[in-house]
Amino acid sequence: MIPRRGDVWRLDDGRTILVLSSTFYNEIASEPTIIAVPVFTGEPAAGFGVPIGNDTWAAPGFITSLRKTRLATFQNRVDVQCLTDVNNMPFKILATPEP
């Protein structure tokens, strides 16, 4: 299964991630990686959390790349508004003006 933008996957080590890279990029067979952020049950203790479901939070401050081979189990897909909120958080953080 090709990971799609907005998918939540469990990795081979048990951690959970939200896929941010575009589905078009993810479909490139010669490209072994995806761009993702970690997903937590409950608000993350560190970083900036964005709610994406029932007591489930994405941590957009921890953007990373992962090999597609690490994806173990598809969990679900977040809605467009949740994905937009996750995408916008880094811009909110970086665009906040100095006092």
N, C-alpha and C. Protein backbone atom coordinates (compact mmCIF):
# COMPACT_ATOMS: atom_id res chain seq x y z
N MET A 1 0.85 -1.19 0.00
CA MET A 1 0.00 0.00 0.00
C MET A 1 0.89 1.25 0.00
N ILE A 2 0.62 2.17 -0.88
CA ILE A 2 1.36 3.43 -0.96
C ILE A 2 0.86 4.36 0.15
N PRO A 3 1.78 4.91 0.96
CA PRO A 3 1.34 5.87 1.98
C PRO A 3 0.83 7.15 1.32
N ARG A 4 -0.27 7.65 1.82
CA ARG A 4 -0.88 8.87 1.28
C ARG A 4 -0.74 9.99 2.31
N ARG A 5 -0.68 11.21 1.79
CA ARG A 5 -0.63 12.39 2.66
C ARG A 5 -1.85 12.34 3.58
N GLY A 6 -1.61 12.47 4.89
CA GLY A 6 -2.69 12.43 5.87
C GLY A 6 -2.91 11.06 6.49
N ASP A 7 -2.17 10.05 6.03
CA ASP A 7 -2.28 8.71 6.62
C ASP A 7 -1.58 8.65 7.97
N VAL A 8 -2.14 7.88 8.87
CA VAL A 8 -1.49 7.55 10.15
C VAL A 8 -1.06 6.09 10.05
N TRP A 9 0.24 5.85 10.30
CA TRP A 9 0.82 4.51 10.21
C TRP A 9 1.53 4.15 11.49
N ARG A 10 1.52 2.86 11.83
CA ARG A 10 2.36 2.33 12.90
C ARG A 10 3.63 1.83 12.23
N LEU A 11 4.78 2.15 12.84
CA LEU A 11 6.07 1.73 12.32
C LEU A 11 6.45 0.35 12.83
N ASP A 12 7.50 -0.19 12.27
CA ASP A 12 7.97 -1.51 12.67
C ASP A 12 8.47 -1.56 14.11
N ASP A 13 8.74 -0.40 14.72
CA ASP A 13 9.18 -0.37 16.12
C ASP A 13 8.05 0.00 17.08
N GLY A 14 6.81 0.12 16.56
CA GLY A 14 5.66 0.39 17.40
C GLY A 14 5.25 1.85 17.49
N ARG A 15 6.14 2.76 17.08
CA ARG A 15 5.77 4.18 17.10
C ARG A 15 4.74 4.46 16.00
N THR A 16 4.04 5.59 16.14
CA THR A 16 3.01 5.98 15.17
C THR A 16 3.39 7.32 14.56
N ILE A 17 3.12 7.45 13.23
CA ILE A 17 3.46 8.69 12.52
C ILE A 17 2.30 9.14 11.64
N LEU A 18 2.33 10.43 11.29
CA LEU A 18 1.41 11.03 10.34
C LEU A 18 2.21 11.40 9.11
N VAL A 19 1.80 10.94 7.94
CA VAL A 19 2.51 11.21 6.69
C VAL A 19 2.17 12.62 6.20
N LEU A 20 3.22 13.44 5.95
CA LEU A 20 3.03 14.80 5.45
C LEU A 20 3.43 14.95 3.99
N SER A 21 4.33 14.11 3.51
CA SER A 21 4.77 14.24 2.12
C SER A 21 3.61 13.93 1.18
N SER A 22 3.65 14.54 0.01
CA SER A 22 2.54 14.40 -0.94
C SER A 22 2.41 12.97 -1.44
N THR A 23 1.20 12.59 -1.73
CA THR A 23 0.96 11.25 -2.27
C THR A 23 1.73 11.07 -3.58
N PHE A 24 1.79 12.12 -4.40
CA PHE A 24 2.54 12.05 -5.66
C PHE A 24 4.00 11.69 -5.39
N TYR A 25 4.63 12.37 -4.42
CA TYR A 25 6.01 12.08 -4.04
C TYR A 25 6.13 10.65 -3.50
N ASN A 26 5.20 10.25 -2.67
CA ASN A 26 5.25 8.92 -2.05
C ASN A 26 5.12 7.80 -3.07
N GLU A 27 4.48 8.07 -4.21
CA GLU A 27 4.29 7.07 -5.24
C GLU A 27 5.52 6.85 -6.12
N ILE A 28 6.54 7.68 -5.99
CA ILE A 28 7.76 7.53 -6.80
C ILE A 28 8.50 6.30 -6.31
N ALA A 29 8.55 5.28 -7.15
CA ALA A 29 9.13 3.99 -6.75
C ALA A 29 10.60 4.10 -6.38
N SER A 30 11.34 4.98 -7.03
CA SER A 30 12.78 5.10 -6.76
C SER A 30 13.08 5.96 -5.53
N GLU A 31 12.06 6.58 -4.95
CA GLU A 31 12.25 7.40 -3.75
C GLU A 31 11.89 6.57 -2.52
N PRO A 32 12.89 6.24 -1.69
CA PRO A 32 12.64 5.32 -0.58
C PRO A 32 12.06 5.97 0.69
N THR A 33 11.93 7.30 0.71
CA THR A 33 11.55 7.97 1.96
C THR A 33 10.20 8.66 1.87
N ILE A 34 9.66 8.97 3.04
CA ILE A 34 8.50 9.84 3.19
C ILE A 34 8.85 10.89 4.23
N ILE A 35 8.06 11.95 4.31
CA ILE A 35 8.19 12.97 5.34
C ILE A 35 7.03 12.79 6.30
N ALA A 36 7.32 12.79 7.60
CA ALA A 36 6.29 12.48 8.59
C ALA A 36 6.57 13.20 9.91
N VAL A 37 5.55 13.18 10.76
CA VAL A 37 5.70 13.68 12.14
C VAL A 37 5.19 12.61 13.09
N PRO A 38 5.72 12.55 14.31
CA PRO A 38 5.24 11.56 15.27
C PRO A 38 3.82 11.87 15.74
N VAL A 39 3.13 10.81 16.12
CA VAL A 39 1.77 10.90 16.66
C VAL A 39 1.79 10.31 18.07
N PHE A 40 1.12 10.97 19.00
CA PHE A 40 1.09 10.54 20.39
C PHE A 40 -0.34 10.38 20.88
N THR A 41 -0.53 9.49 21.85
CA THR A 41 -1.79 9.43 22.58
C THR A 41 -1.64 10.42 23.72
N GLY A 42 -2.50 11.40 23.76
CA GLY A 42 -2.37 12.48 24.73
C GLY A 42 -1.46 13.56 24.20
N GLU A 43 -1.60 14.74 24.75
CA GLU A 43 -0.79 15.88 24.30
C GLU A 43 0.69 15.62 24.55
N PRO A 44 1.55 15.90 23.56
CA PRO A 44 2.99 15.65 23.74
C PRO A 44 3.57 16.48 24.88
N ALA A 45 4.48 15.90 25.62
CA ALA A 45 5.13 16.60 26.74
C ALA A 45 6.13 17.64 26.24
N ALA A 46 6.66 17.44 25.04
CA ALA A 46 7.63 18.37 24.47
C ALA A 46 7.18 18.75 23.07
N GLY A 47 7.58 19.92 22.63
CA GLY A 47 7.23 20.36 21.28
C GLY A 47 5.82 20.91 21.22
N PHE A 48 5.37 21.13 20.01
CA PHE A 48 4.05 21.70 19.78
C PHE A 48 3.11 20.61 19.31
N GLY A 49 1.99 20.45 20.00
CA GLY A 49 1.04 19.42 19.65
C GLY A 49 -0.17 19.98 18.92
N VAL A 50 -0.68 19.19 17.98
CA VAL A 50 -1.90 19.53 17.25
C VAL A 50 -2.84 18.34 17.37
N PRO A 51 -4.05 18.55 17.90
CA PRO A 51 -4.98 17.43 18.01
C PRO A 51 -5.42 16.94 16.63
N ILE A 52 -5.38 15.61 16.43
CA ILE A 52 -5.79 15.04 15.14
C ILE A 52 -6.87 13.98 15.30
N GLY A 53 -7.31 13.77 16.52
CA GLY A 53 -8.35 12.76 16.74
C GLY A 53 -8.66 12.65 18.21
N ASN A 54 -9.35 11.60 18.58
CA ASN A 54 -9.77 11.37 19.95
C ASN A 54 -8.55 11.14 20.84
N ASP A 55 -8.10 12.18 21.54
CA ASP A 55 -6.92 12.15 22.41
C ASP A 55 -5.65 11.71 21.66
N THR A 56 -5.60 12.03 20.36
CA THR A 56 -4.43 11.73 19.53
C THR A 56 -3.88 13.05 19.03
N TRP A 57 -2.56 13.20 19.14
CA TRP A 57 -1.91 14.45 18.80
C TRP A 57 -0.74 14.21 17.87
N ALA A 58 -0.56 15.12 16.90
CA ALA A 58 0.64 15.12 16.05
C ALA A 58 1.61 16.15 16.61
N ALA A 59 2.89 15.91 16.41
CA ALA A 59 3.94 16.82 16.91
C ALA A 59 4.70 17.40 15.71
N PRO A 60 4.17 18.47 15.09
CA PRO A 60 4.77 19.01 13.88
C PRO A 60 6.15 19.63 14.07
N GLY A 61 6.56 19.85 15.30
CA GLY A 61 7.90 20.35 15.55
C GLY A 61 8.98 19.30 15.36
N PHE A 62 8.57 18.06 15.18
CA PHE A 62 9.52 16.94 15.03
C PHE A 62 9.43 16.33 13.64
N ILE A 63 9.39 17.17 12.61
CA ILE A 63 9.33 16.69 11.23
C ILE A 63 10.58 15.87 10.92
N THR A 64 10.39 14.73 10.26
CA THR A 64 11.52 13.85 9.94
C THR A 64 11.25 13.11 8.63
N SER A 65 12.29 12.50 8.11
CA SER A 65 12.11 11.61 6.96
C SER A 65 12.28 10.18 7.45
N LEU A 66 11.55 9.28 6.83
CA LEU A 66 11.60 7.86 7.19
C LEU A 66 11.60 7.02 5.93
N ARG A 67 12.18 5.86 6.00
CA ARG A 67 12.12 4.91 4.88
C ARG A 67 10.73 4.29 4.83
N LYS A 68 10.20 4.16 3.62
CA LYS A 68 8.87 3.55 3.45
C LYS A 68 8.84 2.13 4.00
N THR A 69 9.97 1.46 3.98
CA THR A 69 10.03 0.08 4.48
C THR A 69 9.76 -0.01 5.98
N ARG A 70 9.82 1.11 6.69
CA ARG A 70 9.55 1.13 8.14
C ARG A 70 8.05 1.07 8.44
N LEU A 71 7.20 1.38 7.46
CA LEU A 71 5.76 1.38 7.66
C LEU A 71 5.26 -0.05 7.84
N ALA A 72 4.57 -0.30 8.95
CA ALA A 72 4.10 -1.66 9.24
C ALA A 72 2.60 -1.80 9.04
N THR A 73 1.81 -0.92 9.68
CA THR A 73 0.36 -1.07 9.67
C THR A 73 -0.33 0.27 9.46
N PHE A 74 -1.19 0.34 8.43
CA PHE A 74 -2.01 1.54 8.24
C PHE A 74 -3.02 1.61 9.37
N GLN A 75 -3.15 2.79 9.99
CA GLN A 75 -4.08 2.97 11.11
C GLN A 75 -5.36 3.68 10.67
N ASN A 76 -5.23 4.86 10.10
CA ASN A 76 -6.37 5.64 9.64
C ASN A 76 -5.88 6.85 8.84
N ARG A 77 -6.79 7.68 8.45
CA ARG A 77 -6.45 8.90 7.71
C ARG A 77 -7.12 10.07 8.42
N VAL A 78 -6.36 11.16 8.62
CA VAL A 78 -6.94 12.35 9.26
C VAL A 78 -7.71 13.16 8.22
N ASP A 79 -8.64 13.98 8.69
CA ASP A 79 -9.40 14.80 7.75
C ASP A 79 -8.57 16.00 7.30
N VAL A 80 -9.07 16.68 6.29
CA VAL A 80 -8.34 17.78 5.66
C VAL A 80 -8.06 18.90 6.67
N GLN A 81 -9.01 19.21 7.54
CA GLN A 81 -8.79 20.29 8.51
C GLN A 81 -7.67 19.95 9.49
N CYS A 82 -7.62 18.72 9.97
CA CYS A 82 -6.53 18.30 10.87
C CYS A 82 -5.19 18.41 10.16
N LEU A 83 -5.12 17.95 8.92
CA LEU A 83 -3.88 18.01 8.16
C LEU A 83 -3.46 19.46 7.94
N THR A 84 -4.41 20.34 7.67
CA THR A 84 -4.12 21.77 7.50
C THR A 84 -3.58 22.36 8.80
N ASP A 85 -4.18 22.00 9.93
CA ASP A 85 -3.72 22.50 11.23
C ASP A 85 -2.28 22.05 11.52
N VAL A 86 -1.97 20.79 11.20
CA VAL A 86 -0.60 20.29 11.40
C VAL A 86 0.37 21.04 10.49
N ASN A 87 -0.01 21.24 9.23
CA ASN A 87 0.85 21.95 8.28
C ASN A 87 1.10 23.39 8.71
N ASN A 88 0.08 24.04 9.26
CA ASN A 88 0.19 25.46 9.62
C ASN A 88 0.98 25.73 10.89
N MET A 89 1.09 24.76 11.79
CA MET A 89 1.74 25.00 13.06
C MET A 89 3.19 25.49 12.91
N PRO A 90 4.05 24.87 12.10
CA PRO A 90 5.42 25.40 11.98
C PRO A 90 5.45 26.84 11.47
N PHE A 91 4.53 27.21 10.58
CA PHE A 91 4.48 28.59 10.09
C PHE A 91 4.06 29.55 11.19
N LYS A 92 3.12 29.15 12.03
CA LYS A 92 2.71 29.98 13.15
C LYS A 92 3.88 30.22 14.10
N ILE A 93 4.63 29.17 14.36
CA ILE A 93 5.76 29.27 15.28
C ILE A 93 6.83 30.20 14.70
N LEU A 94 7.17 30.00 13.43
CA LEU A 94 8.24 30.76 12.81
C LEU A 94 7.84 32.18 12.43
N ALA A 95 6.56 32.42 12.22
CA ALA A 95 6.11 33.74 11.77
C ALA A 95 5.70 34.66 12.91
N THR A 96 5.77 34.20 14.14
CA THR A 96 5.41 35.05 15.27
C THR A 96 6.41 36.18 15.38
N PRO A 97 5.94 37.44 15.32
CA PRO A 97 6.87 38.57 15.35
C PRO A 97 7.53 38.74 16.72
N GLU A 98 8.69 39.30 16.67
CA GLU A 98 9.41 39.63 17.91
C GLU A 98 8.69 40.81 18.58
N PRO A 99 8.71 40.84 19.92
CA PRO A 99 8.03 41.96 20.62
C PRO A 99 8.78 43.27 20.43
